[in-house]
Protein backbone atom coordinates (compact mmCIF):
# COMPACT_ATOMS: atom_id res chain seq x y z
CA MET A 1 -31.26 -15.06 30.00
CA ASP A 2 -31.75 -13.03 32.78
CA LEU A 3 -28.54 -10.75 33.03
CA ASP A 4 -29.11 -9.89 36.89
CA VAL A 5 -29.08 -13.71 37.90
CA PHE A 6 -26.62 -14.49 35.65
CA VAL A 7 -24.06 -12.03 37.12
CA SER A 8 -25.28 -12.95 40.72
CA ALA A 9 -24.42 -16.64 40.28
CA HIS A 10 -21.18 -16.12 38.46
CA GLY A 11 -20.00 -12.58 39.91
CA ALA A 12 -17.90 -14.39 42.33
CA GLU A 13 -15.65 -16.62 40.20
CA TRP A 14 -14.95 -13.90 38.02
CA ASP A 15 -13.78 -11.76 41.10
CA ARG A 16 -11.80 -14.29 42.17
CA LEU A 17 -10.14 -14.60 38.70
CA GLU A 18 -9.48 -10.54 39.04
CA ALA A 19 -7.87 -11.31 42.43
CA LEU A 20 -5.80 -13.91 41.19
CA LEU A 21 -4.29 -12.17 38.22
CA ARG A 22 -3.40 -9.22 40.60
CA ARG A 23 -1.53 -11.42 43.05
CA LYS A 24 2.32 -9.98 43.10
CA ARG A 25 3.82 -13.46 44.16
CA ARG A 26 3.92 -16.23 42.35
CA LEU A 27 0.78 -18.42 42.65
CA THR A 28 0.86 -21.77 44.30
CA GLY A 29 0.25 -25.02 42.45
CA THR A 30 -3.56 -25.09 43.77
CA GLU A 31 -3.56 -21.63 42.82
CA ALA A 32 -2.49 -21.92 39.76
CA ASP A 33 -5.28 -25.08 38.76
CA GLU A 34 -7.89 -22.71 39.96
CA LEU A 35 -6.56 -20.08 37.80
CA VAL A 36 -6.78 -22.24 34.69
CA THR A 37 -10.31 -23.57 35.72
CA LEU A 38 -11.60 -19.95 36.02
CA TYR A 39 -10.17 -18.96 32.95
CA GLN A 40 -12.04 -21.83 31.02
CA ARG A 41 -15.59 -20.80 32.76
CA ALA A 42 -15.43 -17.38 32.18
CA THR A 43 -14.42 -18.02 28.46
CA THR A 44 -17.71 -19.90 28.06
CA HIS A 45 -19.79 -17.29 30.54
CA LEU A 46 -18.31 -14.88 27.52
CA SER A 47 -19.48 -16.87 25.25
CA LEU A 48 -22.98 -17.24 26.33
CA LEU A 49 -23.26 -13.74 26.77
CA ARG A 50 -22.40 -12.68 23.42
CA SER A 51 -25.17 -14.75 21.99
CA SER A 52 -28.09 -14.57 24.47
CA ALA A 53 -27.73 -11.28 26.42
CA PRO A 54 -25.09 -8.54 24.63
CA ASP A 55 -24.61 -6.24 27.19
CA PRO A 56 -21.69 -4.16 26.13
CA ALA A 57 -20.14 -2.79 29.39
CA LEU A 58 -20.13 -6.97 31.00
CA ILE A 59 -18.90 -7.93 27.79
CA GLY A 60 -15.93 -5.76 27.58
CA ARG A 61 -14.72 -6.80 31.42
CA LEU A 62 -14.91 -10.20 30.41
CA THR A 63 -13.37 -9.65 27.19
CA SER A 64 -10.50 -7.95 29.03
CA LEU A 65 -10.38 -10.52 31.76
CA VAL A 66 -10.20 -13.35 29.57
CA ALA A 67 -7.32 -11.75 27.63
CA ARG A 68 -5.45 -11.14 30.99
CA ALA A 69 -6.18 -14.59 32.30
CA ARG A 70 -5.34 -16.64 28.94
CA SER A 71 -1.84 -14.54 29.09
CA ALA A 72 -1.27 -15.66 32.56
CA VAL A 73 -2.24 -19.37 31.47
CA THR A 74 -0.32 -19.54 28.57
CA GLY A 75 2.43 -17.04 29.44
CA ALA A 76 4.36 -14.51 27.19
CA ARG A 77 6.80 -15.92 24.49
CA LYS A 78 9.62 -14.02 22.90
CA ALA A 79 10.56 -13.93 19.69
CA SER A 80 13.70 -15.76 18.92
CA TRP A 81 15.87 -16.58 15.79
CA ARG A 82 14.15 -20.00 15.47
CA ASP A 83 11.24 -17.83 14.73
CA ALA A 84 12.78 -15.91 12.41
CA ALA A 85 14.21 -19.42 11.00
CA ARG A 86 11.15 -21.02 10.70
CA PHE A 87 9.19 -18.27 8.61
CA PHE A 88 11.70 -17.96 6.26
CA THR A 89 11.79 -21.79 5.52
CA THR A 90 8.60 -22.71 6.50
CA ALA A 91 5.78 -20.06 6.65
CA PHE A 92 6.53 -17.64 4.15
CA PRO A 93 7.41 -20.16 1.41
CA ALA A 94 4.55 -21.87 1.98
CA ALA A 95 2.05 -19.07 2.22
CA VAL A 96 3.45 -18.24 -1.37
CA TYR A 97 3.15 -21.72 -2.55
CA ARG A 98 -0.20 -22.04 -1.32
CA LEU A 99 -1.58 -19.37 -3.10
CA ARG A 100 0.18 -19.82 -6.35
CA HIS A 101 -3.10 -20.15 -8.19
CA TRP A 102 -3.93 -16.88 -7.43
CA TRP A 103 -0.38 -14.71 -8.08
CA ILE A 104 0.31 -16.96 -10.96
CA PRO A 105 -2.47 -15.80 -13.28
CA THR A 106 -2.47 -12.45 -12.00
CA ALA A 107 1.34 -12.35 -13.19
CA ILE A 108 0.17 -13.90 -16.80
CA LEU A 109 -2.68 -11.42 -17.32
CA SER A 110 -0.89 -8.87 -16.19
CA THR A 111 2.62 -9.32 -18.38
CA ALA A 112 -0.09 -9.98 -20.95
CA LEU A 113 -2.00 -6.67 -20.32
CA ALA A 114 1.67 -4.72 -20.37
CA VAL A 115 2.74 -6.14 -23.36
CA LEU A 116 -1.07 -5.28 -25.15
CA LEU A 117 -0.36 -1.47 -24.15
CA GLY A 118 3.05 -1.18 -25.40
CA TRP A 119 1.84 -2.42 -28.58
CA TRP A 120 -0.58 0.21 -28.69
CA ILE A 121 1.53 2.66 -27.50
CA ALA A 122 4.08 1.90 -30.10
CA ALA A 123 1.55 1.52 -33.20
CA HIS A 124 -0.18 4.70 -32.48
CA PRO A 125 1.82 7.79 -32.43
CA GLU A 126 -1.43 9.68 -31.57
CA VAL A 127 -1.11 8.03 -28.12
CA GLN A 128 2.71 8.67 -28.02
CA ALA A 129 1.66 12.49 -28.55
CA THR A 130 -0.74 12.40 -25.40
CA ILE A 131 2.45 10.89 -23.06
CA GLY A 132 4.74 13.99 -24.10
CA ALA A 133 5.86 16.24 -26.85
CA PRO A 134 7.84 14.69 -29.54
CA ASP A 135 11.02 16.32 -28.17
CA ASP A 136 10.54 15.46 -24.81
CA LEU A 137 9.78 11.55 -26.14
CA ARG A 138 13.05 11.70 -27.76
CA ALA A 139 14.81 13.30 -24.57
CA MET A 140 13.67 10.27 -23.08
CA THR A 141 14.13 7.39 -25.58
CA ARG A 142 17.47 8.35 -27.42
CA PRO A 143 20.71 6.85 -26.30
CA GLY A 144 22.04 8.39 -22.96
CA GLY A 145 18.22 9.63 -22.43
CA GLU A 146 16.52 9.60 -19.37
CA TYR A 147 15.15 5.86 -19.51
CA GLU A 148 18.96 5.05 -19.34
CA THR A 149 20.64 7.81 -17.00
CA TYR A 150 17.38 7.11 -14.51
CA TYR A 151 19.62 4.12 -13.08
CA SER A 152 22.72 6.19 -12.32
CA SER A 153 21.45 9.37 -11.26
CA HIS A 154 21.89 8.64 -7.90
CA PRO A 155 24.25 7.07 -5.77
CA ALA A 156 24.06 3.09 -5.73
CA ALA A 157 23.01 2.91 -2.47
CA SER A 158 21.10 5.54 -1.96
CA PHE A 159 19.04 5.00 -5.16
CA ALA A 160 18.56 1.43 -4.16
CA ALA A 161 17.23 2.21 -0.80
CA GLN A 162 14.75 4.36 -2.49
CA VAL A 163 13.69 2.01 -4.97
CA TRP A 164 13.27 -0.71 -1.94
CA THR A 165 10.96 1.75 -0.26
CA ASN A 166 8.77 2.54 -3.08
CA ASN A 167 7.99 -0.78 -3.99
CA ALA A 168 7.97 -2.18 -0.23
CA GLN A 169 4.94 0.48 -0.22
CA ALA A 170 3.26 -0.38 -3.29
CA VAL A 171 3.45 -4.42 -2.21
CA ALA A 172 2.22 -2.90 1.04
CA LEU A 173 -0.73 -1.54 -0.53
CA CYS A 174 -1.86 -4.30 -2.53
CA LEU A 175 -2.30 -6.80 0.86
CA VAL A 176 -3.73 -3.99 3.05
CA LEU A 177 -6.19 -3.09 0.43
CA GLY A 178 -7.03 -6.24 -0.58
CA GLY A 179 -9.67 -6.56 2.33
CA PHE A 180 -11.41 -3.89 0.02
CA ALA A 181 -13.07 -6.43 -2.07
CA GLY A 182 -9.72 -6.08 -3.86
CA ILE A 183 -10.85 -3.57 -6.11
CA PRO A 184 -7.90 -1.38 -4.65
CA VAL A 185 -5.22 -3.79 -5.85
CA LEU A 186 -6.62 -3.70 -9.49
CA TRP A 187 -5.93 -0.07 -9.97
CA ILE A 188 -2.49 -0.21 -8.46
CA LEU A 189 -1.73 -3.42 -10.65
CA PHE A 190 -3.22 -1.37 -13.63
CA GLN A 191 -1.12 1.83 -12.46
CA ASN A 192 2.35 -0.63 -12.81
CA MET A 193 1.64 -2.26 -15.71
CA LEU A 194 0.59 1.12 -17.57
CA ASN A 195 3.93 2.11 -16.53
CA LEU A 196 5.52 -0.92 -17.83
CA GLY A 197 3.30 -0.50 -21.15
CA ALA A 198 4.48 2.97 -21.56
CA GLY A 199 8.02 2.14 -21.32
CA ILE A 200 7.96 -0.94 -23.87
CA GLY A 201 6.07 1.23 -26.33
CA LEU A 202 8.05 4.10 -26.57
CA MET A 203 11.50 2.48 -26.68
CA SER A 204 9.72 0.04 -29.07
CA SER A 205 8.92 2.92 -31.18
CA ALA A 206 12.38 4.41 -31.18
CA GLY A 207 13.80 1.04 -31.95
CA ARG A 208 15.55 0.78 -28.95
CA LEU A 209 13.44 -2.02 -27.15
CA ASP A 210 16.36 -4.39 -26.76
CA THR A 211 18.14 -1.58 -24.55
CA PHE A 212 14.93 -1.48 -22.72
CA LEU A 213 14.77 -4.95 -22.18
CA GLY A 214 18.28 -4.84 -20.95
CA LEU A 215 17.58 -2.42 -18.17
CA ILE A 216 14.59 -3.78 -16.83
CA LEU A 217 15.12 -7.39 -16.64
CA PRO A 218 18.23 -7.50 -14.32
CA HIS A 219 15.72 -6.30 -11.77
CA GLY A 220 12.21 -6.53 -12.91
CA LEU A 221 12.03 -9.87 -13.22
CA LEU A 222 12.31 -10.22 -9.05
CA GLU A 223 10.68 -6.64 -8.57
CA LEU A 224 7.63 -7.55 -10.56
CA THR A 225 7.28 -10.95 -9.13
CA ALA A 226 7.08 -9.86 -5.65
CA VAL A 227 4.18 -7.25 -6.80
CA PHE A 228 2.09 -9.95 -8.30
CA ILE A 229 2.30 -12.27 -5.43
CA ALA A 230 1.14 -9.00 -3.06
CA ALA A 231 -1.40 -8.34 -5.86
CA GLY A 232 -2.84 -12.08 -6.22
CA ILE A 233 -2.87 -12.52 -2.26
CA GLY A 234 -4.42 -9.26 -1.96
CA LEU A 235 -7.00 -10.40 -4.33
CA ARG A 236 -7.69 -13.76 -2.30
CA LEU A 237 -7.70 -11.53 0.63
CA GLY A 238 -10.93 -9.51 -1.05
CA TRP A 239 -12.48 -12.80 -2.21
CA THR A 240 -12.38 -14.38 1.14
CA LEU A 241 -14.58 -11.43 2.33
CA VAL A 242 -17.19 -12.82 -0.51
CA ASP A 243 -16.69 -16.69 -0.26
CA PRO A 244 -15.02 -17.42 3.23
CA GLY A 245 -15.52 -21.37 2.35
CA PRO A 246 -16.48 -23.43 5.20
CA ARG A 247 -14.75 -21.37 7.78
CA THR A 248 -16.60 -18.41 9.23
CA ARG A 249 -16.12 -15.18 7.76
CA ARG A 250 -14.12 -14.16 10.88
CA THR A 251 -12.13 -16.48 11.17
CA ALA A 252 -11.16 -16.97 7.32
CA LEU A 253 -10.06 -13.17 7.23
CA ALA A 254 -7.92 -13.89 10.25
CA GLU A 255 -6.26 -16.47 8.84
CA GLU A 256 -6.08 -14.78 5.61
CA GLY A 257 -5.06 -11.76 7.10
CA ARG A 258 -2.20 -13.12 9.23
CA SER A 259 -0.61 -14.76 6.30
CA ALA A 260 -1.08 -11.78 4.05
CA LEU A 261 1.17 -9.71 7.09
CA GLY A 262 3.47 -12.54 6.76
CA VAL A 263 4.04 -12.75 3.11
CA ALA A 264 4.65 -8.81 3.36
CA VAL A 265 7.50 -8.93 5.88
CA GLY A 266 8.88 -11.68 3.10
CA LEU A 267 8.23 -9.70 0.13
CA ALA A 268 10.41 -7.01 2.00
CA ALA A 269 13.06 -9.28 1.97
CA VAL A 270 12.84 -9.91 -1.60
CA LEU A 271 12.18 -6.65 -2.69
CA PHE A 272 15.45 -5.79 -0.88
CA VAL A 273 17.33 -7.95 -3.07
CA SER A 274 15.63 -6.40 -6.34
CA GLY A 275 16.68 -2.92 -5.10
CA ALA A 276 20.15 -4.38 -4.92
CA LEU A 277 19.89 -5.73 -8.32
CA GLU A 278 18.28 -2.00 -9.60
CA GLY A 279 20.92 0.01 -7.79
CA PHE A 280 24.15 -2.07 -8.61
CA VAL A 281 23.69 -4.44 -11.62
CA THR A 282 21.46 -2.66 -13.96
CA PRO A 283 23.58 0.47 -14.20
CA SER A 284 26.86 -1.43 -13.88
CA GLY A 285 29.49 -1.63 -16.79
CA LEU A 286 28.70 -5.68 -17.22
CA PRO A 287 27.88 -6.97 -20.55
CA THR A 288 23.79 -7.06 -21.19
CA TRP A 289 23.76 -10.64 -21.19
CA ALA A 290 25.49 -10.61 -17.64
CA ARG A 291 23.15 -8.30 -16.13
CA ILE A 292 20.34 -10.15 -17.64
CA GLY A 293 21.54 -13.36 -16.63
CA THR A 294 22.08 -11.98 -12.85
CA GLY A 295 18.31 -11.10 -12.76
CA VAL A 296 17.43 -14.32 -14.34
CA ALA A 297 19.54 -16.09 -11.75
CA ALA A 298 17.66 -14.44 -8.83
CA GLU A 299 14.50 -14.93 -10.26
CA LEU A 300 15.01 -18.52 -10.87
CA ALA A 301 16.12 -19.15 -7.12
CA PHE A 302 13.23 -17.30 -5.70
CA LEU A 303 11.10 -19.68 -7.89
CA LEU A 304 13.08 -22.79 -6.28
CA TYR A 305 12.97 -21.68 -3.04
CA VAL A 306 9.02 -21.21 -3.09
CA TYR A 307 8.39 -24.41 -4.85
CA VAL A 308 10.89 -26.76 -3.19
CA LEU A 309 10.38 -25.31 0.68
CA GLY A 310 6.79 -23.89 0.01
CA GLY A 311 5.75 -26.87 -1.86
CA ARG A 312 7.42 -29.32 1.05
CA ALA A 313 6.21 -26.93 4.16
CA VAL A 314 2.34 -27.37 2.53
CA ARG A 315 2.18 -31.08 1.96
CA ALA A 316 3.59 -31.37 5.73
CA GLY A 317 0.23 -29.06 6.66
CA GLU A 318 1.56 -25.63 6.78
CA THR A 319 -0.74 -22.63 5.79
CA GLY A 320 1.65 -20.24 6.07
CA ASP A 321 0.19 -18.78 9.55
CA VAL A 322 1.42 -18.28 12.71
CA GLU A 323 2.14 -20.98 14.83
CA THR A 324 -0.76 -22.74 16.82
CA THR A 325 -0.20 -21.18 20.13
CA ASP A 326 0.33 -17.61 19.13
CA ARG A 327 -3.17 -17.71 17.88
CA GLU A 328 -6.06 -16.14 19.30
CA THR A 329 -7.87 -18.44 21.33
CA GLN A 330 -11.08 -19.42 19.73
CA VAL A 331 -13.83 -18.68 21.91
CA PRO A 332 -16.28 -21.38 21.84
CA THR A 333 -20.16 -20.39 20.64
CA ALA A 334 -23.01 -21.47 22.79
CA ALA A 335 -25.87 -23.51 20.77
């Protein structure tokens, strides 16, 4: 492609599009039609330049021009309560349901790892010695020790907020770092399972595993489910780099990335519930069966929400991505 000839042939159209975009007054019907036509042509020109004559300055100018024209053509859309309702009843559960083949195996394998680590720590005193001094471990695991007082050491509201913040950060890291081939996600997941396994092992060796489970299950079921979902989707995002499927790698990463960000928002709400349980239910004076029952009920409610609403949405063609009108326009690729 002769770049000078191309610019001479189409430069007037770009200048005209620029002029229409700068108009302060409302465009007439004829001018609006002209704007749409010039926007479509500029999009094609941008595609041709990208594939045949990659000039950074010209491509930058046309990219900006096309983006502004698209905004003028489609108009700005404000978020509404309808968008929030659609997200929580359709997009979020659909994204979680669609990727269940990633996070369910992640949950099973991670739980098995935590149990195995717990057994290993409980069965080997020399391993316990590497965790802490015997007196310190006894102070942690005895009745009224640190494992029990941890959940009531701060006012419930501030403790719930702190827990929510910490867990939300872990979930966000799993989703964001999934783009690095999923390797950081595996490390974050291992650290969480190591901490859980240490608690299981130390309390089991002290003969107080039932107490530990009574403290961890009321909030831990929902909390760990959120972590497993984030880790599974983060791993799926990392795998997209390796195998994007029939989509281009750029399109696949954009679609999966938008879905992952949506899941992060939804999981923040899930962790809010988990944090409330950890702040108000776990340290409460309720009987152990009532506290565990509350946690089980919350977990079952979330799974039903995902499988009923999410399954229905996926069968209707929903993927968890944003609505079509909010997606980036796909620039056609020149042959």
